[in-house]
Amino acid sequence: MAPRAVIVGPPGSGKTTVGRLLAEALSVGFRDTDADVETRAGTSVSDIFSAHGEAAFRAMEEESVAVALAEHEGVLALGGGAVLSETTRALLAGHPVVFLAVGMAEGVRRTGMSSARPLLAGFNPRATYKALLDARLPIYREVATLEVDTDGSDPPAVAAEIARRLADLADDAAAPEPGP
């Protein structure tokens, strides 16, 4: 059992929105590991950060990702920082991982610097978002099977592109090796 696609990317890239649309297009279920963490903790991600700190949240997130990768067969969206865990990165190997890329200006516009996003709260959220992108971009690309630019595209178009590209990957994997 394995997900049909695992969606990763920074805050504002559209992981949940695009993930739901992709699941619908593929006729499979959708699961979000941030929602799994909230259900398990009985409180919001921002409350977990406030009450217990980032390290406690990341430990819960890592466990939720491992469980979801083992038991979910649909589309799985990971929290933006889930890829920071070496354990999670190792678990992603062999899965179809889709990195939703978003530029800084678009990401800032989409997140609206929401207080529901604890890592973006603070004195200079734009600088924080830029630092987050700079630090995470190489990691997203390291784990990704596909990279899709979301700037200037609406979520249905992004989901359709991912579905097409996943089908192309499946076709390539099923094609026989050329003979000598």
Protein backbone atom coordinates (compact mmCIF):
# COMPACT_ATOMS: atom_id res chain seq x y z
CA MET A 1 0.00 0.00 0.00
CA ALA A 2 1.38 3.41 -0.97
CA PRO A 3 0.03 6.84 -1.83
CA ARG A 4 -0.65 7.62 -5.49
CA ALA A 5 1.04 10.99 -4.88
CA VAL A 6 2.64 12.82 -1.98
CA ILE A 7 2.39 16.62 -2.17
CA VAL A 8 5.13 18.79 -0.63
CA GLY A 9 5.90 22.49 -0.77
CA PRO A 10 6.13 25.67 1.28
CA PRO A 11 3.20 27.44 2.92
CA GLY A 12 0.95 28.96 0.28
CA SER A 13 1.93 26.52 -2.48
CA GLY A 14 -1.53 24.94 -2.47
CA LYS A 15 -0.78 21.51 -1.03
CA THR A 16 -4.22 20.98 0.51
CA THR A 17 -6.26 22.68 -2.22
CA VAL A 18 -4.42 21.05 -5.11
CA GLY A 19 -4.18 17.76 -3.23
CA ARG A 20 -7.96 17.56 -2.83
CA LEU A 21 -8.49 18.36 -6.53
CA LEU A 22 -5.87 15.81 -7.58
CA ALA A 23 -7.47 13.14 -5.39
CA GLU A 24 -10.81 13.89 -7.02
CA ALA A 25 -9.27 13.67 -10.50
CA LEU A 26 -7.65 10.33 -9.65
CA SER A 27 -10.79 9.03 -7.87
CA VAL A 28 -8.89 8.35 -4.64
CA GLY A 29 -9.01 9.65 -1.08
CA PHE A 30 -7.19 12.69 0.23
CA ARG A 31 -5.26 12.96 3.50
CA ASP A 32 -3.37 15.86 5.08
CA THR A 33 -0.78 15.11 7.75
CA ASP A 34 -1.30 18.48 9.45
CA ALA A 35 -4.94 17.47 9.96
CA ASP A 36 -3.75 14.09 11.30
CA VAL A 37 -1.52 15.87 13.84
CA GLU A 38 -4.38 18.16 14.89
CA THR A 39 -6.73 15.20 15.34
CA ARG A 40 -4.17 13.31 17.38
CA ALA A 41 -3.32 16.33 19.55
CA GLY A 42 -6.90 17.57 19.83
CA THR A 43 -5.78 21.10 19.00
CA SER A 44 -4.49 23.23 16.11
CA VAL A 45 -0.96 23.25 14.74
CA SER A 46 -0.49 26.85 15.92
CA ASP A 47 -1.62 25.86 19.44
CA ILE A 48 0.83 22.94 19.45
CA PHE A 49 3.64 25.35 18.49
CA SER A 50 2.57 27.81 21.20
CA ALA A 51 2.08 25.31 24.01
CA HIS A 52 4.76 22.71 23.25
CA GLY A 53 7.18 24.23 20.72
CA GLU A 54 8.30 23.35 17.25
CA ALA A 55 10.29 20.26 18.30
CA ALA A 56 7.18 18.63 19.80
CA PHE A 57 5.19 19.42 16.68
CA ARG A 58 7.91 18.05 14.38
CA ALA A 59 8.02 14.77 16.35
CA MET A 60 4.25 14.39 16.00
CA GLU A 61 4.47 15.32 12.33
CA GLU A 62 7.20 12.77 11.62
CA GLU A 63 5.12 10.00 13.20
CA SER A 64 1.98 11.08 11.32
CA VAL A 65 3.83 11.06 8.00
CA ALA A 66 5.21 7.56 8.64
CA VAL A 67 1.74 6.22 9.47
CA ALA A 68 0.10 7.92 6.48
CA LEU A 69 2.76 6.70 4.03
CA ALA A 70 2.19 3.15 5.28
CA GLU A 71 -1.61 3.14 5.22
CA HIS A 72 -2.93 5.72 2.73
CA GLU A 73 -3.42 4.82 -0.93
CA GLY A 74 -4.68 8.19 -2.23
CA VAL A 75 -3.16 11.65 -2.36
CA LEU A 76 -1.22 12.69 0.72
CA ALA A 77 -0.34 16.31 1.53
CA LEU A 78 2.53 16.90 3.96
CA GLY A 79 3.03 19.98 6.09
CA GLY A 80 5.49 22.46 4.63
CA GLY A 81 8.27 21.57 7.06
CA ALA A 82 7.81 17.79 7.08
CA VAL A 83 10.72 17.35 4.65
CA LEU A 84 13.10 18.82 7.23
CA SER A 85 13.13 15.42 8.96
CA GLU A 86 15.82 13.05 7.67
CA THR A 87 13.56 10.16 8.68
CA THR A 88 10.71 11.55 6.60
CA ARG A 89 12.98 12.18 3.62
CA ALA A 90 14.16 8.56 3.77
CA LEU A 91 10.56 7.33 3.96
CA LEU A 92 9.64 9.38 0.87
CA ALA A 93 12.18 7.54 -1.28
CA GLY A 94 10.37 5.47 -3.88
CA HIS A 95 7.09 7.38 -3.56
CA PRO A 96 5.79 9.73 -6.27
CA VAL A 97 6.51 13.08 -4.59
CA VAL A 98 5.16 16.26 -6.18
CA PHE A 99 6.82 19.53 -5.19
CA LEU A 100 4.49 22.50 -5.60
CA ALA A 101 6.85 25.41 -6.22
CA VAL A 102 5.77 28.95 -5.45
CA GLY A 103 7.71 32.20 -5.69
CA MET A 104 8.18 34.43 -2.69
CA ALA A 105 5.82 37.20 -3.80
CA GLU A 106 3.04 34.74 -4.64
CA GLY A 107 3.60 32.71 -1.47
CA VAL A 108 3.41 35.84 0.68
CA ARG A 109 0.24 36.92 -1.12
CA ARG A 110 -1.39 33.51 -0.69
CA THR A 111 -0.54 33.06 2.97
CA GLY A 112 -1.50 36.61 3.84
CA MET A 113 1.03 36.19 6.63
CA SER A 114 -1.65 34.32 8.57
CA SER A 115 -1.22 33.81 12.30
CA ALA A 116 -2.47 30.26 11.68
CA ARG A 117 0.98 29.63 10.20
CA PRO A 118 3.23 29.78 13.26
CA LEU A 119 6.53 29.92 11.43
CA LEU A 120 5.42 33.03 9.54
CA ALA A 121 4.22 34.98 12.56
CA GLY A 122 6.58 37.60 13.91
CA PHE A 123 8.32 40.87 13.26
CA ASN A 124 9.17 40.54 9.55
CA PRO A 125 7.06 37.81 7.94
CA ARG A 126 8.33 38.55 4.41
CA ALA A 127 11.93 38.03 5.47
CA THR A 128 10.88 34.91 7.38
CA TYR A 129 9.13 33.52 4.29
CA LYS A 130 12.18 34.26 2.11
CA ALA A 131 14.50 32.53 4.60
CA LEU A 132 12.13 29.56 4.75
CA LEU A 133 12.11 29.27 0.92
CA ASP A 134 15.88 29.64 0.69
CA ALA A 135 16.45 26.90 3.28
CA ARG A 136 13.83 24.44 2.06
CA LEU A 137 13.99 24.72 -1.73
CA PRO A 138 16.94 22.31 -2.10
CA ILE A 139 15.22 19.82 0.22
CA TYR A 140 11.93 19.93 -1.68
CA ARG A 141 13.83 19.32 -4.91
CA GLU A 142 15.84 16.49 -3.32
CA VAL A 143 12.70 14.49 -2.47
CA ALA A 144 10.62 15.41 -5.53
CA THR A 145 9.78 13.14 -8.41
CA LEU A 146 7.94 16.02 -10.12
CA GLU A 147 8.16 19.78 -9.69
CA VAL A 148 5.19 21.93 -10.69
CA ASP A 149 5.30 25.73 -10.68
CA THR A 150 2.07 27.08 -9.19
CA ASP A 151 2.68 30.80 -9.79
CA GLY A 152 0.09 32.19 -12.18
CA SER A 153 -1.90 28.95 -12.29
CA ASP A 154 -5.20 28.15 -10.66
CA PRO A 155 -5.49 25.00 -8.51
CA PRO A 156 -7.60 23.01 -11.02
CA ALA A 157 -4.97 23.60 -13.73
CA VAL A 158 -2.16 22.57 -11.37
CA ALA A 159 -4.04 19.40 -10.37
CA ALA A 160 -4.70 18.55 -14.02
CA GLU A 161 -1.02 19.02 -14.90
CA ILE A 162 0.03 16.77 -12.01
CA ALA A 163 -2.48 14.07 -13.03
CA ARG A 164 -1.14 14.18 -16.59
CA ARG A 165 2.48 14.03 -15.49
CA LEU A 166 1.80 11.17 -13.04
CA ALA A 167 0.15 9.23 -15.89
CA ASP A 168 3.21 9.91 -18.08
CA LEU A 169 5.47 8.57 -15.31
CA ALA A 170 3.34 5.44 -14.98
CA ASP A 171 3.45 4.92 -18.75
CA ASP A 172 7.23 5.35 -18.78
CA ALA A 173 7.60 2.86 -15.92
CA ALA A 174 5.41 0.31 -17.73
CA ALA A 175 7.21 0.66 -21.08
CA PRO A 176 9.53 -2.23 -21.94
CA GLU A 177 13.25 -1.57 -21.98
CA PRO A 178 14.56 -1.09 -25.53
CA GLY A 179 16.45 -4.09 -26.88
CA PRO A 180 20.06 -4.15 -28.04
